[in-house]
C-alpha cells in the first residue's frame, strides 16, 4: 500500500475512533498540550521521505496519520467540546454580554481568552474594566474573575456543550477593555481569526497560542516596554508596531515565510529596528515560534 494511502486511512480511522470514544465515555484530555505536539506530524512525514525500507516508510506514514488525526480532533475540541452526530436541529445562537465594572482601584490586570475556532476582535475601549459581546452556537461564554495579591485576573471560556456536525457554526466575540490599567493579555485559540487593535491600551505583555489561525495585531506606544509571544501552527500572522518604537524580533520559524521590512538582521533569528536603542523610546520585543506560517512585521 502506498504511504499516502496509509496516512489518510489511519487518519480517518483514528479520527472516527476518537469521536466515538468522546460520545460514549467522554475524553477529558488536556487539549492545549495535545495540540502543541503538532510538529510530530512533520517529523514522521520527513521520515517517510528519508527512510529507505518500505516497512519503515509505511510505519512513519501511519504514525503521521495518527498524529494528524489527534491534532485535528484537539483543534475541534477547543471550540465545540463534545461532538453530537445525531443530526438534531435544536441548535441556536446564544447572545451574551459580559461586563465587569471598574472600581477605579485596579492598576494591573490579566485577561485570558479561550475561544477555539471562531472570529474574535479586540478593538475598542469601555468605561467598565472589560466588556464582551458574544454570539455562539457552540456554547455560552463564561467570565471568571478573581484577585491575587492585588492583581485582577479575568478568564473567558466556553462551557462547550454538544453541537451537530453539518450545521453552520457561529462563534464570535467582541472584546473591549478599560485603557487605564496595565494589561497582560493571553489568547488560546484554534482555527480562528484574531484581530487585536491595542493602540489605546497600556499593554505589558501579549501571549497568543494558535493553531491554524489568521492573526492581526496592532501595538501602540503607551507602555514603556511590551513583550509579545506568538506560537502558531499553520497560520498567517501580521503585526504592526509604531515607527517610533525600538523593536526587536526573535524568530524561531525556519519553515515559515518572513517579511520584516524596516528591520536589520543582527544574527540568525534576531532582527532589530533601525536606530534600535535610541533613548526615550518605548521598547517592543516580539517572539515567534511557528510551524509553516506566514509572518509579517511592519512599522506604521
Protein backbone atom coordinates (compact mmCIF):
# COMPACT_ATOMS: atom_id res chain seq x y z
CA UNK A 1 0.00 0.00 0.00
CA UNK A 2 1.25 3.48 -0.82
CA UNK A 3 2.40 5.64 2.09
CA UNK A 4 -0.15 8.30 1.16
CA UNK A 5 -2.99 5.79 1.44
CA UNK A 6 -1.68 4.59 4.80
CA UNK A 7 -1.53 8.17 6.09
CA UNK A 8 -5.11 9.05 5.16
CA UNK A 9 -6.53 5.66 6.14
CA UNK A 10 -5.13 5.80 9.67
CA UNK A 11 -6.02 9.48 9.99
CA UNK A 12 -9.70 8.77 9.23
CA UNK A 13 -9.79 5.64 11.38
CA UNK A 14 -8.26 7.31 14.44
CA UNK A 15 -10.39 10.43 13.99
CA UNK A 16 -13.53 8.29 13.93
CA UNK A 17 -12.45 6.29 16.97
CA UNK A 18 -11.72 9.45 18.95
CA UNK A 19 -15.15 10.89 18.10
CA UNK A 20 -16.83 7.61 19.06
CA UNK A 21 -14.95 7.39 22.36
CA UNK A 22 -15.80 11.01 23.17
CA UNK A 23 -19.50 10.40 22.54
CA UNK A 24 -19.59 7.20 24.60
CA UNK A 25 -17.33 7.90 27.60
CA UNK A 26 -16.15 11.49 27.14
CA UNK A 27 -12.50 12.42 26.69
CA UNK A 28 -11.06 14.87 29.21
CA UNK A 29 -7.53 15.28 27.90
CA UNK A 30 -5.54 18.50 28.11
CA UNK A 31 -6.30 19.54 24.51
CA UNK A 32 -3.95 22.52 24.66
CA UNK A 33 -1.00 20.23 25.38
CA UNK A 34 -2.12 17.71 22.75
CA UNK A 35 -2.39 20.46 20.16
CA UNK A 36 1.15 21.67 20.90
CA UNK A 37 2.54 18.31 19.74
CA UNK A 38 1.62 19.01 16.09
CA UNK A 39 5.33 19.13 14.94
CA UNK A 40 5.35 15.32 15.27
CA UNK A 41 3.33 15.24 12.03
CA UNK A 42 6.21 16.93 10.18
CA UNK A 43 8.77 14.66 11.87
CA UNK A 44 7.09 11.44 10.76
CA UNK A 45 6.37 12.81 7.27
CA UNK A 46 10.06 13.63 7.00
CA UNK A 47 10.94 10.05 7.95
CA UNK A 48 8.76 8.75 5.10
CA UNK A 49 10.97 10.70 2.70
CA UNK A 50 14.44 9.83 4.02
CA UNK A 51 13.94 6.20 5.10
CA UNK A 52 14.74 3.52 2.53
CA UNK A 53 12.91 0.46 3.76
CA UNK A 54 9.29 0.13 2.60
CA UNK A 55 8.18 -1.11 6.03
CA UNK A 56 9.81 1.77 7.89
CA UNK A 57 8.29 4.28 5.49
CA UNK A 58 4.85 2.72 5.97
CA UNK A 59 5.20 2.87 9.77
CA UNK A 60 6.26 6.54 9.60
CA UNK A 61 3.33 7.41 7.35
CA UNK A 62 0.95 5.63 9.72
CA UNK A 63 2.30 7.47 12.75
CA UNK A 64 1.99 10.77 10.88
CA UNK A 65 -1.65 9.94 10.13
CA UNK A 66 -2.34 9.13 13.78
CA UNK A 67 -0.75 12.40 14.91
CA UNK A 68 -2.71 14.35 12.30
CA UNK A 69 -5.98 12.80 13.49
CA UNK A 70 -5.28 13.61 17.14
CA UNK A 71 -4.26 17.18 16.24
CA UNK A 72 -7.41 17.77 14.16
CA UNK A 73 -9.62 16.38 16.90
CA UNK A 74 -7.87 18.56 19.51
CA UNK A 75 -8.42 21.66 17.35
CA UNK A 76 -12.12 20.89 17.06
CA UNK A 77 -12.47 20.12 20.74
CA UNK A 78 -11.03 23.50 21.72
CA UNK A 79 -14.03 25.16 20.14
CA UNK A 80 -17.00 22.84 20.42
CA UNK A 81 -16.47 20.26 23.15
CA UNK A 82 -18.42 17.03 22.73
CA UNK A 83 -19.41 16.09 19.18
CA UNK A 84 -23.01 15.12 18.50
CA UNK A 85 -23.50 13.11 15.32
CA UNK A 86 -27.27 12.57 15.56
CA UNK A 87 -28.31 15.49 13.34
CA UNK A 88 -30.70 17.12 15.84
CA UNK A 89 -31.84 20.54 14.63
CA UNK A 90 -32.02 22.11 18.09
CA UNK A 91 -29.06 24.47 17.71
CA UNK A 92 -29.48 28.19 18.20
CA UNK A 93 -27.24 31.21 18.58
CA UNK A 94 -26.51 32.26 22.16
CA UNK A 95 -26.02 36.03 22.60
CA UNK A 96 -24.29 37.18 25.76
CA UNK A 97 -22.89 40.42 27.14
CA UNK A 98 -20.35 40.01 29.93
CA UNK A 99 -19.06 43.06 31.80
CA UNK A 100 -17.06 43.77 34.94
CA UNK A 101 -17.49 47.22 36.41
CA UNK A 102 -14.49 49.45 37.11
CA UNK A 103 -13.79 50.14 40.78
CA UNK A 104 -11.06 52.73 39.99
CA UNK A 105 -8.53 50.83 42.15
CA UNK A 106 -7.26 48.29 39.62
CA UNK A 107 -3.78 49.21 38.41
CA UNK A 108 -2.83 45.94 36.74
CA UNK A 109 -4.97 43.17 35.26
CA UNK A 110 -4.62 39.88 33.39
CA UNK A 111 -7.10 38.91 30.68
CA UNK A 112 -7.18 35.32 29.37
CA UNK A 113 -9.43 34.29 26.50
CA UNK A 114 -10.06 30.71 25.32
CA UNK A 115 -12.13 30.63 22.18
CA UNK A 116 -11.34 27.64 19.99
CA UNK A 117 -12.49 28.18 16.41
CA UNK A 118 -14.23 31.43 15.51
CA UNK A 119 -13.78 35.16 14.94
CA UNK A 120 -12.52 37.33 17.81
CA UNK A 121 -11.84 41.08 17.93
CA UNK A 122 -10.44 43.50 20.50
CA UNK A 123 -10.82 46.98 19.10
CA UNK A 124 -12.42 49.46 21.46
CA UNK A 125 -12.42 50.89 24.98
CA UNK A 126 -15.07 50.78 27.71
CA UNK A 127 -15.81 52.62 30.94
CA UNK A 128 -16.11 49.20 32.62
CA UNK A 129 -12.96 47.22 33.33
CA UNK A 130 -13.89 44.94 30.46
CA UNK A 131 -16.91 44.09 28.36
CA UNK A 132 -17.57 41.24 25.90
CA UNK A 133 -20.34 40.75 23.37
CA UNK A 134 -20.55 37.17 22.10
CA UNK A 135 -22.56 35.17 19.57
CA UNK A 136 -22.12 31.41 19.57
CA UNK A 137 -23.79 28.16 18.57
CA UNK A 138 -21.10 26.11 20.32
CA UNK A 139 -21.74 27.04 23.94
CA UNK A 140 -22.17 30.16 26.01
CA UNK A 141 -19.18 32.13 27.20
CA UNK A 142 -18.38 32.36 30.90
CA UNK A 143 -16.43 35.10 32.70
CA UNK A 144 -14.43 34.15 35.78
CA UNK A 145 -12.90 36.84 38.00
CA UNK A 146 -10.51 36.65 40.93
CA UNK A 147 -7.91 38.77 42.69
CA UNK A 148 -4.49 37.53 43.80
CA UNK A 149 -2.25 39.90 45.78
CA UNK A 150 -3.95 42.92 44.25
CA UNK A 151 -3.77 41.55 40.69
CA UNK A 152 -7.17 41.33 38.98
CA UNK A 153 -7.49 38.25 36.77
CA UNK A 154 -10.21 37.72 34.18
CA UNK A 155 -10.72 34.45 32.33
CA UNK A 156 -13.21 33.91 29.50
CA UNK A 157 -14.02 30.40 28.32
CA UNK A 158 -16.89 28.37 26.88
CA UNK A 159 -18.93 25.69 28.60
CA UNK A 160 -18.76 23.73 25.27
CA UNK A 161 -21.97 21.65 25.04
CA UNK A 162 -22.67 19.19 22.23
CA UNK A 163 -23.18 20.58 18.73
CA UNK A 164 -24.32 18.99 15.49
CA UNK A 165 -21.98 18.05 12.68
CA UNK A 166 -23.06 19.53 9.37
CA UNK A 167 -24.65 22.65 10.88
CA UNK A 168 -23.27 26.14 10.34
CA UNK A 169 -21.24 27.15 13.38
CA UNK A 170 -21.14 30.68 14.77
CA UNK A 171 -18.55 31.73 17.32
CA UNK A 172 -17.83 35.44 17.58
CA UNK A 173 -16.59 37.68 20.36
CA UNK A 174 -16.05 41.43 20.51
CA UNK A 175 -13.84 42.49 23.41
CA UNK A 176 -13.49 45.95 24.92
CA UNK A 177 -11.08 46.93 27.70
CA UNK A 178 -10.58 49.87 30.00
CA UNK A 179 -7.49 51.83 28.87
CA UNK A 180 -6.40 52.81 32.42
CA UNK A 181 -4.90 49.58 33.91
CA UNK A 182 -1.74 47.88 32.70
CA UNK A 183 -2.81 44.69 30.90
CA UNK A 184 -1.37 41.23 30.34
CA UNK A 185 -3.32 39.59 27.50
CA UNK A 186 -3.44 35.84 26.78
CA UNK A 187 -5.29 34.24 23.86
CA UNK A 188 -5.64 30.50 23.35
CA UNK A 189 -7.42 29.83 20.06
CA UNK A 190 -7.74 27.14 17.41
CA UNK A 191 -8.73 27.60 13.77
CA UNK A 192 -9.73 31.22 14.25
CA UNK A 193 -9.48 34.81 13.13
CA UNK A 194 -7.98 37.10 15.78
CA UNK A 195 -7.87 40.88 15.31
CA UNK A 196 -6.32 42.92 18.14
CA UNK A 197 -6.03 46.70 17.97
CA UNK A 198 -4.10 47.58 21.13
CA UNK A 199 -3.18 51.18 20.37
CA UNK A 200 -5.44 52.69 23.08
CA UNK A 201 -4.19 50.38 25.83
CA UNK A 202 -1.33 50.15 28.30
CA UNK A 203 -0.09 46.64 27.45
CA UNK A 204 2.75 44.93 29.29
CA UNK A 205 2.60 41.51 27.62
CA UNK A 206 0.68 39.63 24.92
CA UNK A 207 0.72 35.84 24.51
CA UNK A 208 -1.05 34.12 21.61
CA UNK A 209 -1.27 30.33 21.26
CA UNK A 210 -2.96 29.45 17.98
CA UNK A 211 -3.50 26.52 15.64
CA UNK A 212 -4.47 27.29 12.04
CA UNK A 213 -5.29 30.98 12.50
CA UNK A 214 -5.25 34.41 10.91
CA UNK A 215 -3.80 36.92 13.37
CA UNK A 216 -3.70 40.70 13.00
CA UNK A 217 -2.07 42.57 15.88
CA UNK A 218 -1.54 46.34 16.11
CA UNK A 219 0.55 47.63 19.03
CA UNK A 220 0.68 51.11 20.49
CA UNK A 221 3.36 53.07 22.34
CA UNK A 222 1.67 53.79 25.70
CA UNK A 223 3.72 51.22 27.62
CA UNK A 224 7.49 51.76 28.06
CA UNK A 225 8.08 48.02 27.44
CA UNK A 226 5.85 45.45 25.75
CA UNK A 227 6.63 41.78 25.12
CA UNK A 228 4.71 39.70 22.57
CA UNK A 229 4.94 35.94 22.11
CA UNK A 230 3.12 34.15 19.29
CA UNK A 231 3.10 30.35 18.99
CA UNK A 232 1.25 29.11 15.93
CA UNK A 233 0.89 26.10 13.65
CA UNK A 234 -0.17 26.82 10.08
CA UNK A 235 -1.10 30.50 10.38
CA UNK A 236 -0.93 33.95 8.86
CA UNK A 237 0.47 36.46 11.34
CA UNK A 238 0.67 40.21 10.73
CA UNK A 239 1.98 42.58 13.41
CA UNK A 240 2.09 46.39 13.19
CA UNK A 241 4.37 48.36 15.52
CA UNK A 242 4.81 52.14 15.95
CA UNK A 243 7.54 53.66 13.80
CA UNK A 244 8.98 55.49 16.83
CA UNK A 245 9.40 52.34 18.94
CA UNK A 246 12.58 50.31 19.48
CA UNK A 247 11.54 46.87 18.25
CA UNK A 248 13.37 43.55 18.47
CA UNK A 249 12.23 40.33 16.77
CA UNK A 250 13.20 36.81 17.82
CA UNK A 251 12.10 34.30 15.20
CA UNK A 252 12.10 30.52 15.65
CA UNK A 253 10.22 29.80 12.45
CA UNK A 254 12.59 28.21 9.97
CA UNK A 255 9.78 26.72 7.86
CA UNK A 256 7.81 29.97 7.71
CA UNK A 257 7.94 32.86 5.26
CA UNK A 258 9.01 36.10 6.93
CA UNK A 259 8.74 39.77 5.95
CA UNK A 260 10.38 42.22 8.37
CA UNK A 261 10.52 45.47 6.40
CA UNK A 262 12.48 48.24 8.12
CA UNK A 263 14.40 45.79 10.32
CA UNK A 264 18.07 44.85 10.31
CA UNK A 265 19.19 41.24 10.74
CA UNK A 266 21.59 41.09 13.68
CA UNK A 267 22.16 37.35 13.63
CA UNK A 268 20.26 34.20 12.75
CA UNK A 269 16.76 34.57 14.17
CA UNK A 270 17.33 38.08 15.60
CA UNK A 271 16.19 41.33 13.96
CA UNK A 272 16.10 44.92 15.21
CA UNK A 273 14.56 48.14 14.00
CA UNK A 274 16.88 50.78 12.60
CA UNK A 275 18.36 53.06 15.27
CA UNK A 276 17.50 50.45 17.90
CA UNK A 277 18.44 51.61 21.39
CA UNK A 278 17.54 55.27 20.98
CA UNK A 279 16.87 56.82 24.37
CA UNK A 280 13.38 57.82 25.40
CA UNK A 281 11.57 55.44 23.06
CA UNK A 282 9.26 52.59 24.05
CA UNK A 283 10.60 49.09 23.55
CA UNK A 284 8.74 46.20 21.95
CA UNK A 285 10.06 42.62 21.92
CA UNK A 286 8.41 40.14 19.53
CA UNK A 287 8.96 36.37 19.66
CA UNK A 288 7.59 33.99 17.03
CA UNK A 289 7.54 30.20 17.30
CA UNK A 290 5.74 28.88 14.24
CA UNK A 291 5.39 25.85 12.04
CA UNK A 292 4.55 26.52 8.40
CA UNK A 293 3.27 30.09 8.67
CA UNK A 294 3.46 33.50 7.04
CA UNK A 295 4.81 36.17 9.39
CA UNK A 296 4.84 39.90 8.62
CA UNK A 297 6.01 42.75 10.84
CA UNK A 298 5.65 46.30 9.61
CA UNK A 299 6.01 49.78 11.09
CA UNK A 300 3.32 52.45 10.85
